[in-house]
Each structure stands twice: as structure tokens, then as C-alpha cells.
């Protein structure tokens, strides 16, 4: 199954593409939601999706927007249908990714096919919240369905801000965020474009190694303030991974305004900055040559 239709995004007018934006409910009164707010701090970024589109449009940015299909945290989920509808209303600024819990078995495969036909441009997986090991062979029929779409797949990696400070971490097991099991997926599905989301604390070197070794693997820089990026991540972003790292904020918990302001202070080479902020995402998302 190949999805040919592309978003109506004029990349020549953009200064950046934020590849990691969450569709979040306006009112999250769950215990886990309160813990996330305490961990990340307050943000006045709009959560209503039309306002979110305006927010990015005003900044001359486009964004990859997605939700997370999970029931562990108790946080309300914005439906995939709402993400697709927002992208249909704002095709100049929103690239819609969708999320389907792979532990749903055959139903998940049917949903992947349905959402691809409905206009999804990629997929979001969160192993700690969806409670699976990425290299579990039971998940492989699901990966086969994803690979057939030829669309990018974003995997959460590293520490989870969601659950931090909650009793028992909100039931979230950090072991599922280790990136090395995703190396098996990259080997077994070499034509699947994989994005390792976030600086992968405490496994950053593993993520860098996978990205260096596997041509189908990228890293997005979301979820951490750039002032906390480890030196080796900055080193490789400037050199061997300069065409494989991507700007991502983790909106609305971290805004692009805050992220960009801190990224500007890092010792990133002048010729590398446009690659990270825009060009690499244009290529990965199939939006045309930058």
C-alpha cells in the first residue's frame, strides 16, 4: 500500500519544520498530566488544533502532528481522526502522523491500512506507554503493514517525561525506551524510515551508533531543551549525522520558541543549521528537494 498524495506545503516559505508536535487535549486533569506539567513546566502554547496551525503559520514553520494511542497513562487521547481533519483544514502547515497501538494485533493492522488510505503521512509509536519491546517478534506483522505504506515511523526513545514523579512512574517501564532493540527493526525492515525521537537519555551513544550504522534511521532532537544536549550529540550533529538529525520541539510541553532560542546558542556550524531546522525534514517527509 503506497500513499502518493503529499501535503500542500510550500517549503520555500518555511524557516523550519517541527517534526515532533503532540495533539493534546485542552483539559488534562489526570494525575499523569499533572506530573508532566510539573516536570516540563507550564506552557501557554495553544492546544486547540486550528489555533496550533495558526501558531506555526505565524512562525513560518510547518509541523508533524500526532497523538499517541495508549491507555496506560490515563491521559485523554485526541483521536487520529481529529489530527487528519486538522491537516485537511490546514494542509499548508500540518503533516499528519497517526498512532496505532501495535499490541492490538490484527485490529492494529486493519487500522494502519484504514488510516493510510485516509491520508496519514507517518506513524508514531511510544513503546513505554504502549508497553512493548520494539524487537518483539509478535509485533512484526504490524511492522510489515507499516513498511508496506513506505511512510516514516517515529519511535519514542529514552527517558519518559510522562510518568516522571508519579507513584510507580505511572506504570511506565523505562526499559521499553532503550533504542538498541530498534536496531533489530532497522535490520529486519531496511526500507522502513525510522526516527528515534528525543535525545535518548540515558542511552544517547546507542542512538548515535544506530543512526550512524543504519541508513534508514534518523534522530529528532525533541523533548529536551538544547542547553542540556550531551556533547557527543552536538559533535555528531555537526559532522557525520548532519543530514540525519531533525528539529523537533515536543510541543506543547516544549515550545518551538524556547527550543530555537536555546538551539541558537549551541556551537552548531552555520552550514548545518538549515539542515537540522528544515532540509533534512523536507527530504525525510518527501516534500521535495530543499
Protein backbone atom coordinates (compact mmCIF):
# COMPACT_ATOMS: atom_id res chain seq x y z
CA UNK A 1 0.00 0.00 0.00
CA UNK A 2 1.63 3.25 -1.13
CA UNK A 3 0.33 6.67 -0.20
CA UNK A 4 1.15 9.05 -3.05
CA UNK A 5 -0.68 12.21 -2.02
CA UNK A 6 1.54 14.80 -0.35
CA UNK A 7 0.73 17.79 1.85
CA UNK A 8 0.31 21.14 0.09
CA UNK A 9 3.30 22.69 1.81
CA UNK A 10 5.42 25.32 0.08
CA UNK A 11 8.80 24.62 1.64
CA UNK A 12 10.30 27.74 0.07
CA UNK A 13 8.35 29.91 2.52
CA UNK A 14 9.43 27.94 5.60
CA UNK A 15 12.23 28.56 8.06
CA UNK A 16 11.73 25.22 9.82
CA UNK A 17 9.70 22.04 10.15
CA UNK A 18 8.99 20.87 13.69
CA UNK A 19 8.82 17.08 13.38
CA UNK A 20 7.55 16.37 16.90
CA UNK A 21 4.27 18.05 17.84
CA UNK A 22 1.66 16.44 20.09
CA UNK A 23 -2.06 16.91 19.68
CA UNK A 24 -3.08 17.31 23.33
CA UNK A 25 -6.49 17.76 24.94
CA UNK A 26 -7.25 21.25 26.18
CA UNK A 27 -8.13 19.91 29.62
CA UNK A 28 -6.00 17.12 31.07
CA UNK A 29 -6.83 16.67 34.74
CA UNK A 30 -5.23 13.23 35.06
CA UNK A 31 -2.56 12.55 37.67
CA UNK A 32 -0.06 11.79 34.93
CA UNK A 33 -0.92 15.02 33.14
CA UNK A 34 -0.30 16.99 36.31
CA UNK A 35 3.05 15.23 36.77
CA UNK A 36 4.03 16.06 33.18
CA UNK A 37 3.22 19.72 33.77
CA UNK A 38 5.37 19.69 36.91
CA UNK A 39 8.24 18.04 35.02
CA UNK A 40 8.20 20.22 31.89
CA UNK A 41 6.82 23.43 33.41
CA UNK A 42 3.88 25.50 32.25
CA UNK A 43 3.29 26.34 28.60
CA UNK A 44 0.74 28.74 27.17
CA UNK A 45 1.02 27.19 23.71
CA UNK A 46 -2.46 26.69 22.21
CA UNK A 47 -3.80 23.15 22.18
CA UNK A 48 -6.87 23.70 20.04
CA UNK A 49 -5.75 22.41 16.64
CA UNK A 50 -6.82 25.37 14.49
CA UNK A 51 -5.01 27.71 16.88
CA UNK A 52 -1.99 25.40 16.77
CA UNK A 53 -1.92 25.69 12.98
CA UNK A 54 -2.01 29.48 13.25
CA UNK A 55 0.80 29.36 15.81
CA UNK A 56 3.10 27.56 13.38
CA UNK A 57 1.96 29.56 10.37
CA UNK A 58 2.84 32.81 12.15
CA UNK A 59 6.36 31.47 12.70
CA UNK A 60 6.78 30.37 9.07
CA UNK A 61 7.04 26.77 10.23
CA UNK A 62 5.27 23.56 9.35
CA UNK A 63 4.80 20.73 11.81
CA UNK A 64 4.37 16.98 12.07
CA UNK A 65 1.32 16.49 14.28
CA UNK A 66 0.32 13.27 16.03
CA UNK A 67 -1.38 11.73 19.02
CA UNK A 68 -0.47 8.56 20.99
CA UNK A 69 -2.78 5.55 21.05
CA UNK A 70 -2.35 4.35 24.65
CA UNK A 71 -4.39 3.68 27.75
CA UNK A 72 -1.69 3.28 30.40
CA UNK A 73 -1.28 6.89 31.49
CA UNK A 74 -4.95 7.74 31.95
CA UNK A 75 -4.50 10.86 29.84
CA UNK A 76 -7.28 11.57 27.31
CA UNK A 77 -6.30 10.90 23.70
CA UNK A 78 -7.00 13.24 20.81
CA UNK A 79 -8.37 10.90 18.11
CA UNK A 80 -6.39 10.20 14.95
CA UNK A 81 -9.45 11.44 13.05
CA UNK A 82 -9.06 14.87 14.65
CA UNK A 83 -5.41 15.05 13.54
CA UNK A 84 -6.32 14.09 9.98
CA UNK A 85 -9.17 16.60 9.94
CA UNK A 86 -6.89 19.39 11.18
CA UNK A 87 -4.39 18.59 8.44
CA UNK A 88 -7.19 18.69 5.86
CA UNK A 89 -8.15 22.17 7.10
CA UNK A 90 -4.53 23.35 7.23
CA UNK A 91 -2.61 21.44 4.55
CA UNK A 92 -0.10 24.29 4.22
CA UNK A 93 1.24 23.79 7.74
CA UNK A 94 0.30 20.36 9.21
CA UNK A 95 1.75 16.98 8.19
CA UNK A 96 -0.48 14.37 9.88
CA UNK A 97 1.02 11.33 11.55
CA UNK A 98 -1.20 8.81 13.32
CA UNK A 99 -0.75 6.37 16.19
CA UNK A 100 -1.97 2.78 16.39
CA UNK A 101 -1.09 0.63 19.41
CA UNK A 102 0.75 -2.40 17.94
CA UNK A 103 -0.35 -4.65 20.79
CA UNK A 104 -3.89 -4.61 19.33
CA UNK A 105 -2.94 -7.46 16.98
CA UNK A 106 -4.88 -7.88 13.75
CA UNK A 107 -7.08 -4.89 14.57
CA UNK A 108 -3.97 -2.70 14.56
CA UNK A 109 -3.04 -3.86 11.06
CA UNK A 110 -6.52 -3.08 9.76
CA UNK A 111 -6.32 0.36 11.38
CA UNK A 112 -2.93 1.06 9.80
CA UNK A 113 -4.39 0.35 6.37
CA UNK A 114 -7.50 2.42 7.02
CA UNK A 115 -5.60 5.45 8.32
CA UNK A 116 -3.10 5.33 5.47
CA UNK A 117 -5.95 5.42 2.98
CA UNK A 118 -7.42 8.34 4.97
CA UNK A 119 -4.30 10.46 4.45
CA UNK A 120 -1.82 9.64 7.20
CA UNK A 121 1.74 10.67 6.32
CA UNK A 122 3.53 8.68 9.02
CA UNK A 123 3.17 6.82 12.30
CA UNK A 124 4.03 7.43 15.95
CA UNK A 125 4.95 4.63 18.37
CA UNK A 126 5.63 5.01 22.10
CA UNK A 127 6.92 1.67 23.43
CA UNK A 128 6.97 2.70 27.14
CA UNK A 129 3.35 3.93 27.02
CA UNK A 130 2.17 1.17 24.70
CA UNK A 131 4.08 -1.40 26.77
CA UNK A 132 6.02 -3.36 24.17
CA UNK A 133 9.60 -4.14 23.29
CA UNK A 134 10.30 -2.86 19.77
CA UNK A 135 12.00 -6.10 18.70
CA UNK A 136 9.25 -8.40 19.96
CA UNK A 137 8.60 -10.82 17.08
CA UNK A 138 4.89 -10.71 17.88
CA UNK A 139 4.90 -7.10 16.62
CA UNK A 140 6.49 -7.96 13.26
CA UNK A 141 3.24 -8.46 11.29
CA UNK A 142 2.36 -4.91 12.37
CA UNK A 143 5.75 -3.65 11.12
CA UNK A 144 5.11 -5.39 7.82
CA UNK A 145 1.94 -3.32 7.48
CA UNK A 146 3.85 -0.15 8.33
CA UNK A 147 6.64 -0.97 5.90
CA UNK A 148 4.10 -1.50 3.12
CA UNK A 149 2.97 2.12 3.47
CA UNK A 150 6.51 3.42 2.83
CA UNK A 151 5.82 6.13 5.41
CA UNK A 152 8.13 7.23 8.26
CA UNK A 153 7.75 5.73 11.73
CA UNK A 154 8.67 7.69 14.87
CA UNK A 155 9.68 5.69 17.96
CA UNK A 156 9.86 7.32 21.37
CA UNK A 157 13.27 6.58 22.91
CA UNK A 158 14.95 7.36 26.20
CA UNK A 159 13.52 8.73 29.41
CA UNK A 160 9.81 9.49 29.61
CA UNK A 161 8.71 12.85 30.97
CA UNK A 162 5.24 11.32 31.13
CA UNK A 163 5.04 9.45 34.44
CA UNK A 164 8.03 11.18 35.99
CA UNK A 165 7.24 11.85 39.65
CA UNK A 166 4.07 9.76 39.65
CA UNK A 167 3.68 6.81 42.00
CA UNK A 168 5.47 3.89 40.35
CA UNK A 169 6.24 6.17 37.42
CA UNK A 170 2.61 5.86 36.39
CA UNK A 171 3.26 2.21 35.50
CA UNK A 172 5.62 3.23 32.68
CA UNK A 173 8.64 0.95 32.28
CA UNK A 174 11.63 2.88 31.01
CA UNK A 175 13.30 -0.26 29.63
CA UNK A 176 10.97 -0.08 26.63
CA UNK A 177 12.55 3.27 25.71
CA UNK A 178 16.00 1.78 25.12
CA UNK A 179 16.92 2.38 21.46
CA UNK A 180 19.06 -0.71 20.82
CA UNK A 181 16.07 -3.07 20.25
CA UNK A 182 15.05 -0.73 17.41
CA UNK A 183 18.31 -1.67 15.70
CA UNK A 184 16.75 -5.11 15.12
CA UNK A 185 13.77 -3.43 13.47
CA UNK A 186 16.10 -1.38 11.24
CA UNK A 187 17.86 -4.57 10.17
CA UNK A 188 14.71 -6.58 9.54
CA UNK A 189 12.87 -3.72 7.80
CA UNK A 190 15.68 -1.89 5.98
CA UNK A 191 13.32 0.13 3.78
CA UNK A 192 11.29 1.47 6.72
CA UNK A 193 12.28 5.05 7.59
CA UNK A 194 12.72 5.17 11.37
CA UNK A 195 13.05 8.26 13.53
CA UNK A 196 14.44 7.85 17.05
CA UNK A 197 12.60 10.56 18.93
CA UNK A 198 14.42 12.63 21.56
CA UNK A 199 17.96 12.69 22.83
CA UNK A 200 17.90 9.12 24.15
CA UNK A 201 18.97 9.65 27.76
CA UNK A 202 20.50 7.53 29.26
CA UNK A 203 21.28 5.65 26.02
CA UNK A 204 22.48 8.51 23.80
CA UNK A 205 25.53 6.69 22.48
CA UNK A 206 23.37 3.73 21.43
CA UNK A 207 21.10 6.01 19.42
CA UNK A 208 24.06 7.71 17.72
CA UNK A 209 25.57 4.33 16.84
CA UNK A 210 22.33 3.04 15.33
CA UNK A 211 21.84 6.21 13.32
CA UNK A 212 25.43 6.08 12.06
CA UNK A 213 25.18 2.42 11.12
CA UNK A 214 21.69 2.19 9.59
CA UNK A 215 20.90 4.46 6.61
CA UNK A 216 17.15 4.27 7.32
CA UNK A 217 17.43 5.67 10.87
CA UNK A 218 17.23 9.34 11.89
CA UNK A 219 17.20 11.21 15.22
CA UNK A 220 14.83 14.00 16.20
CA UNK A 221 16.02 16.43 18.86
CA UNK A 222 12.71 16.96 20.66
CA UNK A 223 11.80 16.62 24.30
CA UNK A 224 14.95 18.18 25.76
CA UNK A 225 16.00 21.79 25.99
CA UNK A 226 19.03 22.09 23.70
CA UNK A 227 21.11 23.52 26.56
CA UNK A 228 21.04 20.00 28.02
CA UNK A 229 22.17 18.20 24.85
CA UNK A 230 25.18 15.96 25.58
CA UNK A 231 28.44 16.94 23.87
CA UNK A 232 28.57 13.83 21.70
CA UNK A 233 25.15 14.59 20.24
CA UNK A 234 26.28 18.09 19.26
CA UNK A 235 29.52 16.67 17.83
CA UNK A 236 27.78 14.15 15.59
CA UNK A 237 25.03 16.60 14.59
CA UNK A 238 27.80 18.85 13.29
CA UNK A 239 29.58 16.10 11.41
CA UNK A 240 28.60 12.54 10.42
CA UNK A 241 24.92 12.91 11.32
CA UNK A 242 24.43 16.40 9.92
CA UNK A 243 21.93 15.06 7.35
CA UNK A 244 20.17 12.74 9.81
CA UNK A 245 19.17 14.93 12.76
CA UNK A 246 15.89 16.84 12.82
CA UNK A 247 14.40 19.78 14.66
CA UNK A 248 11.59 18.73 16.97
CA UNK A 249 10.23 20.58 19.98
CA UNK A 250 7.76 18.29 21.86
CA UNK A 251 5.04 20.94 21.61
CA UNK A 252 3.09 21.93 23.66
CA UNK A 253 5.29 20.81 26.58
CA UNK A 254 8.32 22.45 24.98
CA UNK A 255 7.54 25.24 22.53
CA UNK A 256 9.50 25.86 19.33
CA UNK A 257 10.18 29.41 20.56
CA UNK A 258 12.00 28.08 23.62
CA UNK A 259 13.75 25.29 21.70
CA UNK A 260 15.00 27.53 18.89
CA UNK A 261 16.24 30.21 21.29
CA UNK A 262 18.38 27.64 23.08
CA UNK A 263 19.49 25.89 19.88
CA UNK A 264 20.83 29.20 18.57
CA UNK A 265 23.29 29.26 21.49
CA UNK A 266 24.80 25.88 20.65
CA UNK A 267 28.07 25.60 18.67
CA UNK A 268 26.31 24.29 15.57
CA UNK A 269 28.05 25.08 12.28
CA UNK A 270 26.38 27.65 10.08
CA UNK A 271 26.06 25.23 7.18
CA UNK A 272 24.47 22.59 9.45
CA UNK A 273 21.71 24.73 10.99
CA UNK A 274 19.45 24.79 7.89
CA UNK A 275 19.87 21.03 7.53
CA UNK A 276 18.63 20.41 11.07
CA UNK A 277 15.90 23.03 11.01
CA UNK A 278 14.43 22.34 7.56
CA UNK A 279 16.26 20.48 4.81
CA UNK A 280 16.54 17.07 6.47
CA UNK A 281 12.83 17.04 7.29
CA UNK A 282 11.89 18.11 3.76
CA UNK A 283 13.80 15.12 2.40
CA UNK A 284 12.50 12.65 5.00
CA UNK A 285 8.88 13.71 4.57
CA UNK A 286 9.08 13.66 0.78
CA UNK A 287 8.22 17.32 0.39
CA UNK A 288 10.63 17.89 -2.48
CA UNK A 289 14.27 18.90 -2.79
CA UNK A 290 15.09 21.84 -0.46
